[in-house]
Amino acid sequence: MELELEDPNYQNNKSKSLVTKGTAPFLLKTYALLEEGGGGGGGEKEYKKIVSWNDEGNGFIVWSPTDFSDLTLPRYFKHNNFSSFIRQLNTYGFKKTSSKRWEFKHEKFKRGYKHMLVEITRKKSEATTAFLKSNCGDEDNMMMKNGNQQTLMEENENLRKEKVELETQIAQFKALEIKLLDCIAQHMGPK
């Protein structure tokens, strides 16, 4: 699916021909549902009551979350869950800008600037970022990791040995307990 850019001021011809390459489908679909003005089947005027760009064109407003879920989401996505839609917006860095209505903005999501969608990326979770940082590094870092790995392996082996020793001691104490109980039973027996 090839989509032409709509911003007449955008001059880069190589990037101008296609927007879809590298752009997340979620962003393209969200942009399309705002641009196409289709949704409830009642024409553009009725649709604007459901969802529309804000007056500045730098964000959009879901006017009726119920109608948006029932009529619009299923036309563009494989679900009709408004909460899932919002969660997706959050993963791409959109912010809810009003406590009184469902208005969302992203600095690179603007009416007429479809070419900027490619610059919007998913936010990486803190766990993923920490994992990447811990697994990417220079040679010294790798050597240090190997040294740490060796130390951990040695410590693990020592813990295994200690566990075996403790299990042996437990078995000896249980045997001693049985002997002591037998001894007590003999002395406390019938007189």
N, C-alpha and C. Protein backbone atom coordinates (compact mmCIF):
# COMPACT_ATOMS: atom_id res chain seq x y z
N MET A 1 0.85 -1.18 0.00
CA MET A 1 0.00 0.00 0.00
C MET A 1 0.89 1.23 0.00
N GLU A 2 0.79 2.04 -1.03
CA GLU A 2 1.60 3.24 -1.13
C GLU A 2 0.73 4.45 -0.84
N LEU A 3 1.23 5.31 0.04
CA LEU A 3 0.49 6.51 0.39
C LEU A 3 1.30 7.74 0.01
N GLU A 4 0.71 8.64 -0.72
CA GLU A 4 1.39 9.87 -1.09
C GLU A 4 1.37 10.85 0.08
N LEU A 5 2.41 11.66 0.17
CA LEU A 5 2.46 12.70 1.20
C LEU A 5 1.47 13.80 0.86
N GLU A 6 0.95 14.43 1.88
CA GLU A 6 -0.04 15.47 1.66
C GLU A 6 0.52 16.87 1.93
N ASP A 7 1.70 16.97 2.48
CA ASP A 7 2.28 18.26 2.79
C ASP A 7 2.97 18.81 1.53
N PRO A 8 2.42 19.83 0.89
CA PRO A 8 3.01 20.36 -0.35
C PRO A 8 4.37 21.00 -0.13
N ASN A 9 4.71 21.37 1.08
CA ASN A 9 5.99 22.01 1.36
C ASN A 9 7.12 21.03 1.58
N TYR A 10 6.79 19.73 1.64
CA TYR A 10 7.81 18.73 1.91
C TYR A 10 8.59 18.45 0.63
N GLN A 11 9.90 18.74 0.61
CA GLN A 11 10.68 18.77 -0.62
C GLN A 11 11.48 17.51 -0.91
N ASN A 12 11.71 16.65 0.04
CA ASN A 12 12.58 15.50 -0.18
C ASN A 12 11.85 14.47 -1.04
N ASN A 13 12.20 14.40 -2.34
CA ASN A 13 11.49 13.54 -3.28
C ASN A 13 11.63 12.06 -2.97
N LYS A 14 12.79 11.62 -2.49
CA LYS A 14 12.96 10.21 -2.17
C LYS A 14 12.02 9.80 -1.06
N SER A 15 11.93 10.59 -0.02
CA SER A 15 11.04 10.27 1.10
C SER A 15 9.61 10.58 0.75
N LYS A 16 9.39 11.48 -0.22
CA LYS A 16 8.04 11.92 -0.55
C LYS A 16 7.21 10.81 -1.19
N SER A 17 7.85 9.90 -1.92
CA SER A 17 7.08 8.91 -2.66
C SER A 17 6.33 7.94 -1.75
N LEU A 18 6.95 7.52 -0.67
CA LEU A 18 6.29 6.56 0.21
C LEU A 18 6.42 6.99 1.66
N VAL A 19 5.35 6.78 2.38
CA VAL A 19 5.38 7.08 3.81
C VAL A 19 5.36 5.78 4.60
N THR A 20 4.83 4.75 3.99
CA THR A 20 4.55 3.53 4.75
C THR A 20 5.80 2.79 5.18
N LYS A 21 6.88 2.86 4.44
CA LYS A 21 8.07 2.09 4.80
C LYS A 21 8.63 2.59 6.13
N GLY A 22 8.62 1.70 7.11
CA GLY A 22 9.16 2.04 8.42
C GLY A 22 8.16 2.71 9.35
N THR A 23 6.96 2.99 8.87
CA THR A 23 5.94 3.61 9.71
C THR A 23 5.06 2.52 10.31
N ALA A 24 4.81 2.63 11.59
CA ALA A 24 3.98 1.64 12.28
C ALA A 24 2.56 1.65 11.72
N PRO A 25 2.00 0.47 11.45
CA PRO A 25 0.62 0.40 10.94
C PRO A 25 -0.38 1.09 11.86
N PHE A 26 -0.18 1.00 13.16
CA PHE A 26 -1.10 1.66 14.10
C PHE A 26 -1.17 3.16 13.82
N LEU A 27 -0.02 3.78 13.57
CA LEU A 27 0.02 5.22 13.32
C LEU A 27 -0.64 5.56 11.99
N LEU A 28 -0.36 4.75 10.96
CA LEU A 28 -0.98 4.99 9.66
C LEU A 28 -2.50 4.87 9.74
N LYS A 29 -2.99 3.87 10.45
CA LYS A 29 -4.43 3.66 10.58
C LYS A 29 -5.08 4.79 11.37
N THR A 30 -4.40 5.23 12.43
CA THR A 30 -4.95 6.32 13.25
C THR A 30 -5.00 7.60 12.43
N TYR A 31 -3.94 7.87 11.67
CA TYR A 31 -3.91 9.05 10.81
C TYR A 31 -5.02 8.96 9.75
N ALA A 32 -5.15 7.77 9.15
CA ALA A 32 -6.15 7.56 8.10
C ALA A 32 -7.57 7.76 8.63
N LEU A 33 -7.86 7.27 9.81
CA LEU A 33 -9.23 7.41 10.32
C LEU A 33 -9.57 8.88 10.57
N LEU A 34 -8.57 9.68 10.87
CA LEU A 34 -8.81 11.11 11.04
C LEU A 34 -8.95 11.82 9.69
N GLU A 35 -8.12 11.44 8.71
CA GLU A 35 -8.13 12.09 7.41
C GLU A 35 -9.32 11.68 6.55
N GLU A 36 -9.70 10.40 6.63
CA GLU A 36 -10.76 9.91 5.75
C GLU A 36 -12.14 10.38 6.16
N GLY A 37 -12.31 10.68 7.42
CA GLY A 37 -13.60 11.21 7.87
C GLY A 37 -14.74 10.22 7.76
N GLY A 38 -14.41 8.93 7.68
CA GLY A 38 -15.46 7.91 7.64
C GLY A 38 -15.54 7.25 8.99
N GLY A 39 -16.64 6.70 9.34
CA GLY A 39 -16.71 6.04 10.63
C GLY A 39 -18.05 5.42 10.88
N GLY A 40 -19.04 6.22 11.13
CA GLY A 40 -20.34 5.69 11.48
C GLY A 40 -21.25 5.48 10.30
N GLY A 41 -20.78 5.79 9.10
CA GLY A 41 -21.60 5.61 7.93
C GLY A 41 -22.59 6.76 7.72
N GLY A 42 -22.54 7.75 8.58
CA GLY A 42 -23.49 8.85 8.48
C GLY A 42 -22.88 10.09 7.87
N GLY A 43 -21.79 9.96 7.18
CA GLY A 43 -21.18 11.11 6.53
C GLY A 43 -20.18 11.81 7.43
N GLU A 44 -19.42 12.73 6.82
CA GLU A 44 -18.35 13.42 7.52
C GLU A 44 -18.86 14.25 8.68
N LYS A 45 -20.01 14.90 8.53
CA LYS A 45 -20.53 15.76 9.60
C LYS A 45 -20.81 14.95 10.86
N GLU A 46 -21.46 13.78 10.69
CA GLU A 46 -21.75 12.93 11.85
C GLU A 46 -20.45 12.37 12.42
N TYR A 47 -19.51 12.02 11.54
CA TYR A 47 -18.25 11.42 11.97
C TYR A 47 -17.45 12.39 12.85
N LYS A 48 -17.47 13.66 12.52
CA LYS A 48 -16.71 14.64 13.31
C LYS A 48 -17.21 14.70 14.75
N LYS A 49 -18.45 14.26 15.00
CA LYS A 49 -18.96 14.19 16.36
C LYS A 49 -18.31 13.03 17.12
N ILE A 50 -17.71 12.08 16.37
CA ILE A 50 -17.09 10.92 17.00
C ILE A 50 -15.60 11.19 17.26
N VAL A 51 -14.88 11.61 16.21
CA VAL A 51 -13.44 11.87 16.33
C VAL A 51 -13.04 12.89 15.27
N SER A 52 -12.10 13.78 15.63
CA SER A 52 -11.63 14.77 14.66
C SER A 52 -10.29 15.35 15.11
N TRP A 53 -9.63 15.99 14.15
CA TRP A 53 -8.43 16.75 14.51
C TRP A 53 -8.87 17.90 15.41
N ASN A 54 -7.99 18.36 16.30
CA ASN A 54 -8.32 19.56 17.06
C ASN A 54 -8.20 20.77 16.14
N ASP A 55 -8.59 21.94 16.59
CA ASP A 55 -8.61 23.13 15.74
C ASP A 55 -7.23 23.48 15.17
N GLU A 56 -6.17 23.24 15.95
CA GLU A 56 -4.82 23.57 15.51
C GLU A 56 -4.23 22.51 14.57
N GLY A 57 -4.83 21.31 14.56
CA GLY A 57 -4.31 20.23 13.73
C GLY A 57 -3.09 19.54 14.32
N ASN A 58 -2.81 19.80 15.58
CA ASN A 58 -1.64 19.18 16.23
C ASN A 58 -2.04 18.11 17.24
N GLY A 59 -3.25 17.63 17.14
CA GLY A 59 -3.76 16.59 18.00
C GLY A 59 -5.15 16.20 17.55
N PHE A 60 -5.73 15.23 18.22
CA PHE A 60 -7.08 14.84 17.84
C PHE A 60 -7.92 14.59 19.09
N ILE A 61 -9.24 14.64 18.88
CA ILE A 61 -10.18 14.51 19.98
C ILE A 61 -11.17 13.39 19.66
N VAL A 62 -11.34 12.47 20.60
CA VAL A 62 -12.38 11.47 20.49
C VAL A 62 -13.58 12.04 21.25
N TRP A 63 -14.58 12.49 20.48
CA TRP A 63 -15.72 13.15 21.08
C TRP A 63 -16.67 12.18 21.74
N SER A 64 -16.76 10.98 21.18
CA SER A 64 -17.67 9.98 21.73
C SER A 64 -16.95 8.63 21.79
N PRO A 65 -16.33 8.32 22.94
CA PRO A 65 -15.60 7.05 23.06
C PRO A 65 -16.45 5.82 22.76
N THR A 66 -17.74 5.87 23.11
CA THR A 66 -18.62 4.72 22.85
C THR A 66 -18.80 4.51 21.35
N ASP A 67 -19.15 5.57 20.63
CA ASP A 67 -19.31 5.47 19.18
C ASP A 67 -17.98 5.15 18.50
N PHE A 68 -16.91 5.73 19.01
CA PHE A 68 -15.58 5.47 18.45
C PHE A 68 -15.27 3.98 18.56
N SER A 69 -15.57 3.38 19.72
CA SER A 69 -15.33 1.95 19.93
C SER A 69 -16.23 1.10 19.05
N ASP A 70 -17.50 1.46 18.99
CA ASP A 70 -18.48 0.64 18.27
C ASP A 70 -18.40 0.80 16.75
N LEU A 71 -18.15 2.02 16.27
CA LEU A 71 -18.24 2.30 14.85
C LEU A 71 -16.90 2.49 14.14
N THR A 72 -15.96 3.11 14.80
CA THR A 72 -14.72 3.48 14.11
C THR A 72 -13.61 2.44 14.29
N LEU A 73 -13.32 2.05 15.52
CA LEU A 73 -12.22 1.11 15.75
C LEU A 73 -12.32 -0.17 14.91
N PRO A 74 -13.49 -0.81 14.84
CA PRO A 74 -13.57 -2.05 14.06
C PRO A 74 -13.30 -1.86 12.56
N ARG A 75 -13.48 -0.65 12.05
CA ARG A 75 -13.20 -0.40 10.63
C ARG A 75 -11.71 -0.32 10.34
N TYR A 76 -10.90 0.01 11.35
CA TYR A 76 -9.47 0.21 11.14
C TYR A 76 -8.59 -0.80 11.87
N PHE A 77 -9.12 -1.38 12.93
CA PHE A 77 -8.33 -2.30 13.76
C PHE A 77 -9.10 -3.61 13.95
N LYS A 78 -8.43 -4.60 14.51
CA LYS A 78 -9.05 -5.91 14.73
C LYS A 78 -9.75 -5.98 16.08
N HIS A 79 -10.08 -4.85 16.65
CA HIS A 79 -10.75 -4.82 17.95
C HIS A 79 -11.63 -3.58 18.03
N ASN A 80 -12.41 -3.51 19.10
CA ASN A 80 -13.22 -2.31 19.35
C ASN A 80 -13.03 -1.85 20.80
N ASN A 81 -11.84 -2.05 21.31
CA ASN A 81 -11.55 -1.75 22.71
C ASN A 81 -10.85 -0.39 22.83
N PHE A 82 -11.57 0.59 23.36
CA PHE A 82 -11.03 1.94 23.49
C PHE A 82 -9.80 1.97 24.40
N SER A 83 -9.81 1.18 25.46
CA SER A 83 -8.66 1.13 26.37
C SER A 83 -7.41 0.62 25.67
N SER A 84 -7.57 -0.37 24.80
CA SER A 84 -6.42 -0.88 24.05
C SER A 84 -5.88 0.18 23.10
N PHE A 85 -6.78 0.94 22.49
CA PHE A 85 -6.37 2.02 21.60
C PHE A 85 -5.55 3.06 22.37
N ILE A 86 -6.02 3.43 23.54
CA ILE A 86 -5.30 4.41 24.37
C ILE A 86 -3.94 3.86 24.80
N ARG A 87 -3.90 2.58 25.17
CA ARG A 87 -2.63 1.96 25.57
C ARG A 87 -1.62 2.02 24.42
N GLN A 88 -2.10 1.77 23.19
CA GLN A 88 -1.23 1.86 22.02
C GLN A 88 -0.73 3.30 21.85
N LEU A 89 -1.62 4.27 21.99
CA LEU A 89 -1.21 5.67 21.89
C LEU A 89 -0.08 5.95 22.88
N ASN A 90 -0.25 5.47 24.11
CA ASN A 90 0.76 5.69 25.14
C ASN A 90 2.10 5.08 24.77
N THR A 91 2.08 3.89 24.13
CA THR A 91 3.36 3.26 23.78
C THR A 91 4.09 4.04 22.71
N TYR A 92 3.38 4.87 21.97
CA TYR A 92 4.03 5.70 20.95
C TYR A 92 4.28 7.12 21.44
N GLY A 93 4.05 7.37 22.72
CA GLY A 93 4.40 8.67 23.29
C GLY A 93 3.33 9.74 23.17
N PHE A 94 2.10 9.38 22.81
CA PHE A 94 1.02 10.36 22.79
C PHE A 94 0.67 10.74 24.22
N LYS A 95 0.25 11.97 24.40
CA LYS A 95 -0.15 12.46 25.72
C LYS A 95 -1.61 12.91 25.68
N LYS A 96 -2.32 12.58 26.74
CA LYS A 96 -3.69 13.10 26.91
C LYS A 96 -3.54 14.52 27.43
N THR A 97 -4.15 15.48 26.72
CA THR A 97 -3.87 16.88 27.04
C THR A 97 -4.99 17.59 27.78
N SER A 98 -6.11 16.91 27.99
CA SER A 98 -7.21 17.56 28.67
C SER A 98 -7.86 16.58 29.64
N SER A 99 -8.21 17.08 30.81
CA SER A 99 -8.90 16.22 31.77
C SER A 99 -10.40 16.17 31.50
N LYS A 100 -10.88 17.08 30.64
CA LYS A 100 -12.31 17.18 30.38
C LYS A 100 -12.75 16.45 29.12
N ARG A 101 -11.80 16.08 28.25
CA ARG A 101 -12.16 15.37 27.03
C ARG A 101 -10.98 14.48 26.60
N TRP A 102 -11.25 13.57 25.68
CA TRP A 102 -10.26 12.61 25.21
C TRP A 102 -9.46 13.22 24.06
N GLU A 103 -8.56 14.14 24.41
CA GLU A 103 -7.71 14.79 23.41
C GLU A 103 -6.29 14.28 23.56
N PHE A 104 -5.68 13.92 22.43
CA PHE A 104 -4.33 13.35 22.44
C PHE A 104 -3.44 14.12 21.48
N LYS A 105 -2.17 14.29 21.88
CA LYS A 105 -1.20 14.99 21.04
C LYS A 105 0.12 14.25 21.05
N HIS A 106 0.84 14.41 19.93
CA HIS A 106 2.22 13.97 19.81
C HIS A 106 2.89 15.00 18.91
N GLU A 107 4.08 15.43 19.26
CA GLU A 107 4.73 16.52 18.52
C GLU A 107 4.94 16.20 17.03
N LYS A 108 4.93 14.94 16.66
CA LYS A 108 5.15 14.56 15.26
C LYS A 108 3.90 14.00 14.59
N PHE A 109 2.77 14.12 15.24
CA PHE A 109 1.50 13.65 14.68
C PHE A 109 0.64 14.87 14.42
N LYS A 110 0.67 15.37 13.15
CA LYS A 110 -0.03 16.61 12.82
C LYS A 110 -0.76 16.47 11.50
N ARG A 111 -1.89 17.16 11.42
CA ARG A 111 -2.68 17.16 10.19
C ARG A 111 -1.83 17.70 9.04
N GLY A 112 -1.80 16.94 7.92
CA GLY A 112 -1.06 17.37 6.75
C GLY A 112 0.42 17.03 6.77
N TYR A 113 0.90 16.39 7.80
CA TYR A 113 2.32 16.06 7.91
C TYR A 113 2.52 14.55 8.08
N LYS A 114 1.92 13.79 7.18
CA LYS A 114 1.99 12.34 7.27
C LYS A 114 3.44 11.84 7.22
N HIS A 115 4.30 12.57 6.52
CA HIS A 115 5.71 12.16 6.41
C HIS A 115 6.41 12.10 7.76
N MET A 116 5.88 12.78 8.77
CA MET A 116 6.51 12.77 10.09
C MET A 116 6.18 11.51 10.89
N LEU A 117 5.19 10.74 10.44
CA LEU A 117 4.80 9.53 11.18
C LEU A 117 5.96 8.55 11.32
N VAL A 118 6.82 8.50 10.31
CA VAL A 118 7.94 7.57 10.34
C VAL A 118 8.90 7.88 11.50
N GLU A 119 8.86 9.09 11.99
CA GLU A 119 9.75 9.50 13.09
C GLU A 119 9.20 9.13 14.47
N ILE A 120 7.96 8.67 14.51
CA ILE A 120 7.35 8.27 15.79
C ILE A 120 7.68 6.80 16.02
N THR A 121 8.30 6.52 17.15
CA THR A 121 8.66 5.13 17.47
C THR A 121 8.05 4.73 18.80
N ARG A 122 7.95 3.43 18.98
CA ARG A 122 7.43 2.90 20.25
C ARG A 122 8.42 3.24 21.35
N LYS A 123 7.89 3.55 22.52
CA LYS A 123 8.75 3.75 23.68
C LYS A 123 9.24 2.38 24.14
N LYS A 124 10.51 2.29 24.46
CA LYS A 124 11.04 1.05 24.99
C LYS A 124 10.77 1.01 26.48
N SER A 125 10.43 -0.17 26.98
CA SER A 125 10.20 -0.30 28.42
C SER A 125 11.53 -0.16 29.14
N GLU A 126 11.49 0.18 30.41
CA GLU A 126 12.72 0.33 31.19
C GLU A 126 13.48 -0.98 31.26
N ALA A 127 12.76 -2.10 31.34
CA ALA A 127 13.41 -3.40 31.41
C ALA A 127 14.16 -3.69 30.12
N THR A 128 13.55 -3.37 28.97
CA THR A 128 14.21 -3.60 27.69
C THR A 128 15.44 -2.72 27.57
N THR A 129 15.31 -1.46 27.96
CA THR A 129 16.44 -0.55 27.89
C THR A 129 17.59 -1.03 28.77
N ALA A 130 17.29 -1.45 29.97
CA ALA A 130 18.33 -1.95 30.88
C ALA A 130 18.98 -3.20 30.30
N PHE A 131 18.19 -4.09 29.71
CA PHE A 131 18.72 -5.30 29.10
C PHE A 131 19.67 -4.95 27.96
N LEU A 132 19.25 -4.01 27.10
CA LEU A 132 20.10 -3.62 25.98
C LEU A 132 21.40 -2.99 26.46
N LYS A 133 21.30 -2.15 27.48
CA LYS A 133 22.51 -1.52 28.01
C LYS A 133 23.44 -2.56 28.61
N SER A 134 22.89 -3.56 29.28
CA SER A 134 23.72 -4.57 29.92
C SER A 134 24.33 -5.53 28.91
N ASN A 135 23.71 -5.65 27.72
CA ASN A 135 24.23 -6.58 26.73
C ASN A 135 25.03 -5.90 25.62
N CYS A 136 25.13 -4.60 25.63
CA CYS A 136 25.90 -3.89 24.63
C CYS A 136 27.02 -3.14 25.35
N GLY A 137 28.20 -3.36 24.92
CA GLY A 137 29.29 -2.64 25.56
C GLY A 137 30.60 -2.91 24.87
N ASP A 138 31.65 -2.33 25.39
CA ASP A 138 32.95 -2.50 24.78
C ASP A 138 33.62 -3.78 25.28
N GLU A 139 34.84 -4.02 24.83
CA GLU A 139 35.54 -5.25 25.18
C GLU A 139 35.79 -5.37 26.67
N ASP A 140 36.15 -4.26 27.32
CA ASP A 140 36.38 -4.29 28.76
C ASP A 140 35.12 -4.72 29.50
N ASN A 141 34.02 -4.20 29.05
CA ASN A 141 32.74 -4.55 29.65
C ASN A 141 32.48 -6.04 29.51
N MET A 142 32.79 -6.60 28.32
CA MET A 142 32.60 -8.03 28.09
C MET A 142 33.51 -8.85 29.00
N MET A 143 34.76 -8.40 29.15
CA MET A 143 35.70 -9.13 30.01
C MET A 143 35.21 -9.09 31.45
N MET A 144 34.71 -7.94 31.87
CA MET A 144 34.20 -7.81 33.22
C MET A 144 33.00 -8.74 33.42
N LYS A 145 32.15 -8.82 32.39
CA LYS A 145 30.99 -9.71 32.48
C LYS A 145 31.44 -11.16 32.57
N ASN A 146 32.46 -11.53 31.78
CA ASN A 146 32.97 -12.90 31.82
C ASN A 146 33.56 -13.20 33.20
N GLY A 147 34.28 -12.23 33.77
CA GLY A 147 34.84 -12.40 35.12
C GLY A 147 33.72 -12.55 36.14
N ASN A 148 32.68 -11.73 36.00
CA ASN A 148 31.53 -11.84 36.90
C ASN A 148 30.84 -13.18 36.73
N GLN A 149 30.76 -13.64 35.50
CA GLN A 149 30.12 -14.93 35.26
C GLN A 149 30.91 -16.04 35.92
N GLN A 150 32.23 -15.99 35.81
CA GLN A 150 33.09 -17.01 36.44
C GLN A 150 32.93 -16.98 37.95
N THR A 151 32.91 -15.79 38.53
CA THR A 151 32.72 -15.65 39.97
C THR A 151 31.38 -16.23 40.40
N LEU A 152 30.34 -15.94 39.64
CA LEU A 152 29.01 -16.47 39.96
C LEU A 152 28.99 -17.99 39.86
N MET A 153 29.67 -18.54 38.87
CA MET A 153 29.70 -20.00 38.73
C MET A 153 30.42 -20.65 39.91
N GLU A 154 31.51 -20.02 40.34
CA GLU A 154 32.25 -20.53 41.50
C GLU A 154 31.38 -20.45 42.76
N GLU A 155 30.72 -19.33 42.92
CA GLU A 155 29.85 -19.16 44.09
C GLU A 155 28.71 -20.17 44.06
N ASN A 156 28.17 -20.42 42.89
CA ASN A 156 27.10 -21.40 42.73
C ASN A 156 27.59 -22.79 43.13
N GLU A 157 28.80 -23.15 42.72
CA GLU A 157 29.37 -24.46 43.06
C GLU A 157 29.59 -24.58 44.58
N ASN A 158 30.10 -23.50 45.19
CA ASN A 158 30.28 -23.50 46.65
C ASN A 158 28.96 -23.65 47.38
N LEU A 159 27.93 -23.01 46.88
CA LEU A 159 26.61 -23.14 47.50
C LEU A 159 26.07 -24.56 47.37
N ARG A 160 26.32 -25.20 46.23
CA ARG A 160 25.90 -26.60 46.07
C ARG A 160 26.58 -27.49 47.11
N LYS A 161 27.89 -27.30 47.28
CA LYS A 161 28.64 -28.11 48.25
C LYS A 161 28.10 -27.87 49.66
N GLU A 162 27.87 -26.61 49.99
CA GLU A 162 27.34 -26.26 51.32
C GLU A 162 25.97 -26.89 51.54
N LYS A 163 25.15 -26.91 50.49
CA LYS A 163 23.82 -27.53 50.58
C LYS A 163 23.95 -29.02 50.91
N VAL A 164 24.87 -29.71 50.22
CA VAL A 164 25.07 -31.14 50.47
C VAL A 164 25.51 -31.37 51.92
N GLU A 165 26.44 -30.52 52.40
CA GLU A 165 26.91 -30.64 53.78
C GLU A 165 25.76 -30.42 54.77
N LEU A 166 24.93 -29.42 54.51
CA LEU A 166 23.81 -29.14 55.40
C LEU A 166 22.78 -30.29 55.39
N GLU A 167 22.55 -30.84 54.21
CA GLU A 167 21.63 -31.98 54.13
C GLU A 167 22.17 -33.17 54.92
N THR A 168 23.50 -33.40 54.86
CA THR A 168 24.13 -34.48 55.62
C THR A 168 23.97 -34.23 57.12
N GLN A 169 24.21 -32.98 57.55
CA GLN A 169 24.05 -32.64 58.97
C GLN A 169 22.60 -32.84 59.42
N ILE A 170 21.66 -32.47 58.59
CA ILE A 170 20.23 -32.65 58.93
C ILE A 170 19.93 -34.13 59.12
N ALA A 171 20.44 -34.96 58.22
CA ALA A 171 20.22 -36.41 58.34
C ALA A 171 20.83 -36.94 59.64
N GLN A 172 22.04 -36.44 60.00
CA GLN A 172 22.68 -36.88 61.24
C GLN A 172 21.87 -36.44 62.46
N PHE A 173 21.35 -35.20 62.44
CA PHE A 173 20.55 -34.71 63.56
C PHE A 173 19.24 -35.48 63.68
N LYS A 174 18.63 -35.85 62.57
CA LYS A 174 17.40 -36.65 62.62
C LYS A 174 17.69 -38.02 63.23
N ALA A 175 18.82 -38.63 62.86
CA ALA A 175 19.19 -39.94 63.42
C ALA A 175 19.42 -39.80 64.92
N LEU A 176 20.11 -38.72 65.34
CA LEU A 176 20.35 -38.48 66.76
C LEU A 176 19.04 -38.27 67.50
N GLU A 177 18.11 -37.53 66.88
CA GLU A 177 16.79 -37.30 67.49
C GLU A 177 16.08 -38.63 67.75
N ILE A 178 16.11 -39.51 66.79
CA ILE A 178 15.46 -40.82 66.93
C ILE A 178 16.08 -41.60 68.09
N LYS A 179 17.42 -41.59 68.19
CA LYS A 179 18.11 -42.29 69.28
C LYS A 179 17.72 -41.71 70.63
N LEU A 180 17.69 -40.37 70.71
CA LEU A 180 17.33 -39.71 71.97
C LEU A 180 15.89 -40.04 72.37
N LEU A 181 14.97 -40.04 71.42
CA LEU A 181 13.58 -40.37 71.73
C LEU A 181 13.46 -41.83 72.20
N ASP A 182 14.24 -42.73 71.58
CA ASP A 182 14.23 -44.13 72.02
C ASP A 182 14.75 -44.24 73.43
N CYS A 183 15.82 -43.51 73.72
CA CYS A 183 16.42 -43.53 75.05
C CYS A 183 15.43 -43.02 76.10
N ILE A 184 14.76 -41.90 75.77
CA ILE A 184 13.78 -41.34 76.69
C ILE A 184 12.63 -42.31 76.91
N ALA A 185 12.20 -42.94 75.85
CA ALA A 185 11.09 -43.89 75.94
C ALA A 185 11.47 -45.07 76.84
N GLN A 186 12.71 -45.54 76.78
CA GLN A 186 13.16 -46.66 77.62
C GLN A 186 13.17 -46.25 79.09
N HIS A 187 13.63 -45.06 79.40
CA HIS A 187 13.70 -44.59 80.79
C HIS A 187 12.34 -44.22 81.35
N MET A 188 11.43 -43.81 80.50
CA MET A 188 10.11 -43.37 80.95
C MET A 188 9.11 -44.53 80.92
N GLY A 189 9.55 -45.64 80.42
CA GLY A 189 8.67 -46.78 80.25
C GLY A 189 8.04 -47.23 81.57
N PRO A 190 7.21 -48.26 81.55
CA PRO A 190 6.52 -48.74 82.75
C PRO A 190 7.47 -49.15 83.83
N LYS A 191 7.11 -48.82 85.06
CA LYS A 191 7.95 -49.13 86.20
C LYS A 191 7.40 -50.29 86.93
